Protein backbone atom coordinates (compact mmCIF):
# COMPACT_ATOMS: atom_id res chain seq x y z
CA MET A 1 83.50 115.07 74.65
CA GLU A 2 82.69 111.51 76.50
CA ILE A 3 85.50 109.51 77.84
CA ASN A 4 85.55 105.61 77.64
CA ASN A 5 86.13 104.33 81.24
CA THR A 6 85.18 100.60 80.48
CA VAL A 7 89.14 99.98 79.39
CA SER A 8 90.54 97.22 81.73
CA LYS A 9 87.19 97.29 84.27
CA THR A 10 86.08 93.87 85.42
CA LYS A 11 83.31 92.73 83.37
CA ILE A 12 80.13 91.94 85.46
CA LEU A 13 76.85 89.79 84.29
CA LEU A 14 74.14 90.53 86.87
CA LEU A 15 71.18 88.24 86.97
CA ILE A 16 68.40 89.56 88.77
CA THR A 17 65.32 86.70 89.43
CA GLY A 18 61.68 87.54 90.43
CA SER A 19 61.74 88.05 94.21
CA ILE A 20 61.24 91.43 95.97
CA ALA A 21 64.28 91.89 97.29
CA SER A 22 65.10 92.47 93.66
CA VAL A 23 64.20 96.17 94.64
CA ARG A 24 67.66 96.53 96.20
CA ILE A 25 69.30 95.63 93.09
CA PRO A 26 69.80 99.00 91.62
CA LEU A 27 71.70 100.46 94.41
CA LEU A 28 73.99 97.50 93.94
CA VAL A 29 74.47 98.39 90.14
CA SER A 30 74.73 102.07 91.15
CA GLN A 31 77.69 101.16 93.47
CA LEU A 32 79.39 98.83 91.03
CA ALA A 33 79.30 101.42 88.14
CA LYS A 34 81.15 104.04 90.27
CA GLY A 35 84.09 101.52 90.95
CA SER A 36 86.28 99.39 88.35
CA TYR A 37 83.65 97.36 86.68
CA GLU A 38 81.43 97.40 83.54
CA ILE A 39 77.94 95.87 84.31
CA LYS A 40 75.26 94.06 82.14
CA CYS A 41 71.70 93.20 84.04
CA VAL A 42 69.55 90.55 82.86
CA LEU A 43 65.95 90.71 84.08
CA SER A 44 63.68 87.72 84.16
CA LYS A 45 60.23 87.96 83.13
CA ASN A 46 59.19 87.91 86.98
CA ALA A 47 61.89 90.53 87.98
CA GLU A 48 60.02 93.04 85.37
CA LYS A 49 57.31 93.24 87.48
CA PHE A 50 59.34 94.71 90.23
CA LEU A 51 62.14 96.77 88.20
CA LYS A 52 62.04 98.85 85.32
CA PRO A 53 64.49 97.84 82.22
CA LEU A 54 65.40 101.71 81.81
CA SER A 55 66.22 102.52 85.32
CA LEU A 56 68.83 99.43 84.84
CA SER A 57 70.04 100.57 81.93
CA ILE A 58 70.96 104.14 82.85
CA LEU A 59 72.49 103.09 86.04
CA SER A 60 74.54 100.49 84.44
CA ARG A 61 75.53 102.48 81.59
CA ASN A 62 74.33 99.35 79.48
CA HIS A 63 71.40 98.19 77.93
CA CYS A 64 69.33 95.83 80.21
CA ILE A 65 68.56 92.50 78.88
CA LEU A 66 65.35 90.48 79.10
CA ASP A 67 64.02 87.22 78.67
CA ASP A 68 62.51 87.82 75.21
CA ASP A 69 65.94 89.43 73.94
CA GLN A 70 67.27 85.69 74.12
CA TRP A 71 66.07 84.77 70.43
CA SER A 72 65.74 88.10 68.92
CA ASN A 73 65.97 88.69 65.34
CA ILE A 74 68.81 90.79 65.68
CA GLN A 75 71.31 88.27 67.78
CA SER A 76 73.67 86.99 65.40
CA LYS A 77 74.74 84.31 68.25
CA PRO A 78 72.73 82.48 70.94
CA LEU A 79 72.81 85.25 73.44
CA HIS A 80 73.19 83.35 76.61
CA ILE A 81 76.66 81.85 75.28
CA GLU A 82 77.34 85.72 74.03
CA LEU A 83 76.92 86.88 77.65
CA CYS A 84 78.98 84.04 79.27
CA ASN A 85 81.79 84.83 76.85
CA TRP A 86 81.70 88.20 77.81
CA ALA A 87 81.62 88.24 81.67
CA ASP A 88 84.36 88.09 83.78
CA ILE A 89 82.39 87.47 86.79
CA VAL A 90 78.68 86.47 87.12
CA ILE A 91 76.39 87.42 90.11
CA ILE A 92 72.58 86.00 90.52
CA ALA A 93 71.10 88.47 92.80
CA PRO A 94 68.59 87.83 94.24
CA LEU A 95 68.52 84.18 93.50
CA THR A 96 64.97 82.74 94.10
CA ALA A 97 63.84 78.99 94.68
CA THR A 98 62.41 78.52 91.25
CA THR A 99 65.27 79.31 89.37
CA LEU A 100 67.71 77.34 92.40
CA SER A 101 65.40 74.36 91.12
CA LYS A 102 65.91 74.99 87.14
CA TRP A 103 69.76 75.27 87.95
CA VAL A 104 70.31 72.19 89.73
CA THR A 105 68.00 69.76 87.56
CA GLY A 106 69.37 71.13 84.40
CA ASN A 107 66.00 73.13 83.40
CA ALA A 108 67.39 75.89 80.91
CA ASP A 109 63.74 77.19 80.39
CA GLY A 110 64.41 81.16 80.05
CA LEU A 111 67.30 83.34 79.38
CA ILE A 112 68.90 83.22 83.09
CA PRO A 113 68.50 79.54 83.43
CA SER A 114 70.42 79.19 79.97
CA ILE A 115 73.11 81.40 81.39
CA LEU A 116 73.43 79.27 84.57
CA MET A 117 73.71 76.16 82.55
CA ALA A 118 76.20 77.79 80.06
CA ASN A 119 78.56 79.93 82.57
CA ILE A 120 81.89 78.68 83.54
CA LYS A 121 83.33 81.65 85.29
CA PRO A 122 82.87 82.73 88.67
CA ILE A 123 79.43 83.17 90.21
CA ILE A 124 78.29 85.00 93.31
CA VAL A 125 75.08 83.34 94.45
CA ALA A 126 72.91 85.59 96.44
CA PRO A 127 69.81 84.09 97.50
CA ALA A 128 66.35 85.50 98.89
CA MET A 129 63.10 84.20 99.73
CA ASN A 130 60.60 83.44 102.80
CA THR A 131 61.91 81.69 105.56
CA GLN A 132 59.61 78.79 105.24
CA MET A 133 60.59 78.51 101.52
CA TRP A 134 64.46 78.59 102.47
CA LEU A 135 64.01 76.13 104.93
CA ASN A 136 62.28 73.96 103.16
CA LYS A 137 64.29 70.60 102.61
CA VAL A 138 64.26 70.56 98.90
CA VAL A 139 65.64 74.17 98.66
CA GLN A 140 68.05 73.17 101.14
CA LYS A 141 69.22 70.09 99.21
CA ASN A 142 69.30 72.32 95.83
CA PHE A 143 71.44 75.12 97.40
CA GLU A 144 73.96 72.39 98.97
CA ASP A 145 74.15 70.92 95.44
CA VAL A 146 74.89 74.57 93.93
CA GLN A 147 77.69 75.20 96.33
CA ASN A 148 79.24 71.92 95.72
CA TYR A 149 80.02 73.76 92.25
CA GLU A 150 83.78 74.69 92.03
CA ASN A 151 82.91 78.04 90.29
CA VAL A 152 80.18 79.16 92.85
CA LEU A 153 80.68 81.25 95.59
CA SER A 154 77.80 81.43 97.84
CA LEU A 155 76.60 83.77 100.07
CA GLN A 156 73.93 83.00 102.87
CA PRO A 157 70.74 85.09 103.27
CA SER A 158 70.67 87.32 106.03
CA GLU A 159 68.16 86.91 109.03
CA GLY A 160 65.83 90.11 109.85
CA HIS A 161 62.19 91.49 108.96
CA LEU A 162 61.15 90.32 105.71
CA ALA A 163 58.81 91.71 102.96
CA CYS A 164 56.08 89.42 104.28
CA ASP A 165 56.60 90.79 107.81
CA ALA A 166 57.85 87.89 109.20
CA ILE A 167 61.24 87.94 110.80
CA GLY A 168 64.21 85.07 110.12
CA ILE A 169 66.35 84.31 107.53
CA GLY A 170 65.90 85.11 103.92
CA LYS A 171 67.02 88.53 103.15
CA ILE A 172 69.24 89.07 100.37
CA PRO A 173 72.68 89.47 101.52
CA PRO A 174 74.15 93.40 102.01
CA ASN A 175 75.44 94.83 98.87
CA ASP A 176 78.93 95.64 100.10
CA LEU A 177 79.14 91.90 101.04
CA ILE A 178 78.49 91.20 97.54
CA GLU A 179 80.79 93.76 96.37
CA LEU A 180 83.49 92.09 98.67
CA ALA A 181 83.07 88.68 97.23
CA ILE A 182 83.54 90.27 93.92
CA GLU A 183 86.87 91.61 95.15
CA PHE A 184 87.83 88.49 96.69
CA ILE A 185 87.65 86.74 93.34
CA ILE A 186 89.58 89.35 91.61
CA ALA A 187 92.13 89.06 94.15
CA HIS A 188 93.13 85.61 92.54
CA ASN A 189 93.91 87.13 89.48
CA GLN A 190 92.06 85.26 87.37
CA ASN A 191 93.44 81.94 89.01
CA PRO A 192 90.34 79.82 90.01
CA TYR A 193 89.63 80.40 93.83
CA ARG A 194 89.90 77.10 96.05
CA LYS A 195 87.31 76.19 99.05
CA ASP A 196 90.58 74.57 100.63
CA LEU A 197 89.20 75.48 104.09
CA LEU A 198 86.06 73.22 103.67
CA ASN A 199 85.47 71.19 107.05
CA LYS A 200 87.64 73.33 108.85
CA GLU A 201 87.12 75.44 112.03
CA ILE A 202 88.86 78.95 112.03
CA LEU A 203 88.82 81.05 115.41
CA ILE A 204 89.70 84.81 114.59
CA THR A 205 90.01 87.93 116.90
CA GLY A 206 89.79 91.78 116.10
CA GLY A 207 89.53 95.16 116.91
CA CYS A 208 90.31 96.95 120.04
CA THR A 209 89.65 96.01 123.52
CA SER A 210 88.65 98.84 126.15
CA GLU A 211 89.68 99.08 129.93
CA LYS A 212 87.30 100.92 132.29
CA ILE A 213 89.10 103.56 134.22
CA ASP A 214 86.26 104.93 136.00
CA ALA A 215 82.64 105.65 135.10
CA ALA A 216 83.44 108.04 132.51
CA ARG A 217 86.87 107.07 131.40
CA ASN A 218 88.46 103.97 129.51
CA ILE A 219 91.51 102.88 127.87
CA THR A 220 91.50 101.87 124.50
CA ASN A 221 93.23 102.00 120.80
CA LYS A 222 92.57 102.80 117.08
CA SER A 223 92.02 99.24 116.05
CA SER A 224 88.78 99.27 113.87
CA GLY A 225 88.37 95.46 113.28
CA ALA A 226 88.33 95.47 109.49
CA MET A 227 91.35 93.12 109.31
CA GLY A 228 89.92 90.63 111.20
CA LEU A 229 86.55 90.86 109.59
CA LEU A 230 87.76 90.82 106.27
CA LEU A 231 90.33 87.34 107.48
CA SER A 232 86.98 86.01 108.52
CA GLN A 233 84.97 86.48 105.38
CA VAL A 234 87.96 85.44 103.51
CA ALA A 235 88.06 82.24 105.39
CA ARG A 236 84.28 81.74 105.12
CA PHE A 237 84.52 82.17 100.73
CA ARG A 238 87.15 79.67 101.18
CA GLY A 239 84.64 77.09 102.89
CA ALA A 240 85.73 77.38 106.81
CA GLN A 241 83.18 77.32 109.55
CA VAL A 242 84.19 80.82 110.99
CA LYS A 243 83.72 82.62 114.33
CA TYR A 244 84.92 86.01 114.83
CA ILE A 245 85.57 87.72 118.12
CA HIS A 246 85.85 91.37 118.31
CA GLY A 247 85.63 94.83 119.70
CA PRO A 248 83.39 97.51 118.45
CA LEU A 249 83.31 97.48 114.66
CA LYS A 250 84.45 100.99 113.29
CA ILE A 251 83.86 100.36 109.64
CA ASP A 252 81.56 102.22 107.63
CA LYS A 253 80.46 99.10 105.33
CA ASP A 254 78.22 96.15 106.21
CA LEU A 255 80.58 93.59 105.99
CA SER A 256 79.56 91.18 109.01
CA ASP A 257 76.95 89.55 107.57
CA GLY A 258 77.16 85.75 107.51
CA ILE A 259 79.85 85.34 110.12
CA LYS A 260 79.30 84.03 113.56
CA ARG A 261 80.30 86.92 116.08
CA TYR A 262 80.90 87.61 119.63
CA GLU A 263 81.36 90.99 120.34
CA ILE A 264 83.44 91.73 123.62
CA GLU A 265 84.83 94.87 125.54
CA ASN A 266 87.69 94.12 127.51
CA SER A 267 90.50 91.66 127.77
CA MET A 268 88.95 89.68 130.10
CA ASP A 269 86.20 88.87 128.14
CA LEU A 270 88.28 88.28 125.26
CA MET A 271 90.03 85.79 127.01
CA ARG A 272 87.02 83.95 128.36
CA VAL A 273 85.58 83.67 124.88
CA ILE A 274 88.54 82.39 123.40
CA LYS A 275 88.91 79.85 125.95
CA ASN A 276 85.35 78.81 125.37
CA GLU A 277 85.73 78.49 121.47
CA ILE A 278 89.37 77.44 120.99
CA GLN A 279 88.96 73.78 121.57
CA ASN A 280 87.79 72.49 118.45
CA SER A 281 89.59 75.31 116.07
CA ASP A 282 91.97 74.08 113.41
CA TYR A 283 93.31 77.79 112.92
CA PHE A 284 93.39 80.46 115.42
CA PHE A 285 94.39 84.15 114.12
CA MET A 286 94.86 86.51 117.11
CA ASN A 287 94.63 89.88 115.23
CA ALA A 288 92.61 91.48 118.20
CA ALA A 289 94.48 94.83 119.28
CA VAL A 290 94.34 94.29 123.13
CA SER A 291 94.72 97.22 125.27
CA ASP A 292 98.19 96.91 126.94
CA PHE A 293 96.92 98.41 130.29
CA ARG A 294 94.22 98.15 132.77
CA ILE A 295 92.57 99.61 136.19
CA ASN A 296 92.71 96.58 138.61
CA SER A 297 89.78 98.16 140.64
CA ASN A 298 86.32 98.52 139.46
CA THR A 299 84.69 101.94 140.60
CA SER A 300 81.02 103.11 139.56
CA ALA A 301 82.08 106.67 140.28
CA LYS A 302 83.64 109.19 138.16
CA ILE A 303 87.25 110.20 139.75
CA PRO A 304 87.40 113.97 140.00
CA LYS A 305 90.05 115.34 137.63
CA ASN A 306 92.47 116.09 140.79
CA LYS A 307 92.52 112.78 141.85
CA ILE A 308 93.09 110.82 138.74
CA ASN A 309 96.78 110.64 139.04
CA ASP A 310 96.58 109.17 142.52
CA HIS A 311 93.87 106.51 141.27
CA LEU A 312 96.06 105.43 137.90
CA ASN A 313 99.45 104.99 140.45
CA LYS A 314 97.45 102.98 142.84
CA ASN A 315 95.41 100.83 140.42
CA PHE A 316 97.45 100.72 136.93
CA GLU A 317 98.62 97.09 135.78
CA LEU A 318 99.48 95.63 132.51
CA VAL A 319 97.22 93.42 130.71
CA PRO A 320 98.34 89.82 130.45
CA ASP A 321 99.46 88.39 127.08
CA ILE A 322 96.53 86.41 125.67
CA LEU A 323 98.05 84.79 122.70
CA LYS A 324 101.11 83.61 125.16
CA THR A 325 98.52 82.33 127.67
CA ILE A 326 96.42 80.43 125.20
CA SER A 327 99.40 79.07 123.13
CA LYS A 328 100.34 77.40 126.22
CA SER A 329 97.09 74.74 125.61
CA LYS A 330 97.72 74.39 121.67
CA LYS A 331 97.20 71.09 120.46
CA ASP A 332 99.81 69.67 118.06
CA ASN A 333 97.10 69.68 115.01
CA GLN A 334 96.30 73.51 115.89
CA VAL A 335 97.85 76.30 113.96
CA PHE A 336 98.38 79.86 115.85
CA VAL A 337 99.11 82.98 113.74
CA GLY A 338 99.63 86.38 116.25
CA PHE A 339 99.62 89.76 114.52
CA CYS A 340 102.36 92.42 115.56
CA ALA A 341 101.85 96.25 114.53
CA PHE A 342 105.23 97.99 114.72
CA THR A 343 106.55 101.74 113.66
CA GLY A 344 109.90 102.66 111.99
CA PRO A 345 112.15 100.61 110.02
CA PHE A 346 111.40 96.67 109.44
CA GLU A 347 115.33 96.07 109.69
CA GLU A 348 115.39 97.44 113.40
CA ALA A 349 112.21 95.72 114.51
CA LYS A 350 112.99 92.26 112.81
CA GLU A 351 114.72 90.90 115.70
CA THR A 352 112.20 91.80 118.25
CA ILE A 353 109.60 90.26 115.82
CA LYS A 354 111.70 87.16 116.36
CA GLU A 355 111.54 87.18 119.93
CA LYS A 356 107.87 87.81 119.92
CA ILE A 357 106.98 84.45 117.78
CA ILE A 358 108.98 82.41 120.42
CA HIS A 359 107.85 84.13 123.16
CA LYS A 360 104.24 84.01 122.39
CA GLY A 361 104.40 80.43 121.46
CA CYS A 362 102.57 80.81 118.20
CA ASP A 363 103.42 79.19 114.57
CA TYR A 364 103.25 82.60 112.62
CA LEU A 365 103.73 86.01 113.69
CA PHE A 366 102.64 88.45 111.09
CA ALA A 367 104.08 91.96 111.52
CA ASN A 368 102.75 95.22 109.79
CA PRO A 369 103.50 98.85 109.78
CA ILE A 370 101.09 101.35 110.95
CA ASP A 371 103.24 104.47 110.86
CA LEU A 372 102.99 104.92 106.70
CA GLU A 373 100.84 107.06 105.21
CA GLY A 374 97.30 105.29 103.65
CA GLN A 375 98.30 101.97 105.76
CA GLY A 376 97.09 100.43 109.15
CA PHE A 377 93.53 101.30 110.40
CA GLY A 378 90.41 101.53 108.73
CA SER A 379 88.72 98.97 105.92
CA LEU A 380 89.53 101.27 102.95
CA ALA A 381 93.31 101.74 104.46
CA GLN A 382 96.14 99.38 102.56
CA ASN A 383 98.34 97.22 104.41
CA GLU A 384 101.45 95.50 103.77
CA GLY A 385 103.74 92.90 106.24
CA TRP A 386 106.12 90.36 106.72
CA LEU A 387 104.95 86.86 107.76
CA PHE A 388 107.59 85.12 110.25
CA ASP A 389 107.63 81.45 111.49
CA THR A 390 109.29 79.75 113.94
CA LYS A 391 112.41 78.46 111.70
CA SER A 392 112.89 81.83 110.79
CA MET A 393 111.20 82.13 107.51
CA VAL A 394 110.38 85.66 106.41
CA HIS A 395 107.55 86.21 103.97
CA HIS A 396 106.89 89.78 102.67
CA ILE A 397 103.24 90.59 101.34
CA LYS A 398 103.50 93.92 99.48
CA LYS A 399 101.30 96.74 100.08
CA THR A 400 97.73 95.80 98.71
CA SER A 401 94.30 95.95 99.59
CA LYS A 402 93.02 94.44 103.11
CA ILE A 403 90.97 91.73 101.20
CA ASP A 404 93.75 90.83 99.26
CA LEU A 405 96.36 90.91 102.18
CA ALA A 406 93.83 88.60 104.22
CA ASN A 407 93.62 86.27 101.15
CA LYS A 408 97.38 85.91 100.51
CA LEU A 409 98.42 85.72 104.37
CA ILE A 410 95.65 82.85 104.75
CA THR A 411 97.16 81.12 101.59
CA LYS A 412 100.61 81.49 102.68
CA VAL A 413 99.69 79.67 106.36
CA LEU A 414 98.20 77.11 104.53
CA SER A 415 101.06 76.35 102.13
CA SER A 416 103.78 76.64 104.65
CA ASN A 417 101.55 74.30 106.89
CA LYS A 418 101.55 71.25 104.37
């Protein structure tokens, strides 16, 4: 007996054009089909040279639609209109220079360009092409035009080894990042997402710091860097220029693409990079989990176990409060958001959190519990928390996915700061 699993699934219309990067798309289709999505694939004539329609039909559990189907005798309605009406979200991956040119010039020659002309649903754009083609002034101008469309969420191509054996920018963005963009759009609950951070610079820290004890040991914590990374991607999706300072990322998915990143190791590295980058930032999210302790002597040797207690006792010290230090030089037009993990009942932690926001000198402090099952650490964990401001306002964000929490947190900070 077959079970209908399409009820309440998000409908994804996937437009595939003729780039060699299209060979990665079957993995994306398979990945999405295993989630809460119903997928229909549309192949351009050139894309058919790289992919077999039958394969996409089997992976998507839906008939793969071809250019020749546009004006088929079996169609009772214009196919491009019917598909636009069916979809909740449209993805074009890969987007080639040819299709991009047709789109911005209003050339509806072919099924995919016709869909692009008629579509008013949210559309995720994932370009892929040779580096020289991507950097061509006409292509850049066309892509800039597309980014100004209200319903477009554009992903920049990645850097790396291209199919033409060149090394440069032009690779299709990772499948995990495309899926994250879908989750971001869904998080708006059918409300159009806004590019409300255009022309804003945001500095975000995340992940753990690690402090050296000796040549073989260090002090660190469980932070994965996932929350800071998702804050970074959400801010970028909303139009901001983002810089992310982080310790080692302990996440399974490829979600860091497109973010300017600075990887650090210890608290001194973190402080140095923040000071270098904070000057022009409009918003600063201090999400890094800084190790509370460090050793103030540097040794290149491993301390014998029978001497480790003595070594710690003589050289153990607290790490200075980085947010408090940075907040002393905060400009009037800057907004600083701190983070505070806590355990135990929220009502018991509330007064301590209120004191912390004053002590640290930030504008907001987001407090989240880490002792509840399924919450806290890792990109797949859910989270909830309470956003405090300096006027004792407390806003609760209910338990949700980290991408949804990141989006709601940024929205609340923006709305409270107007």
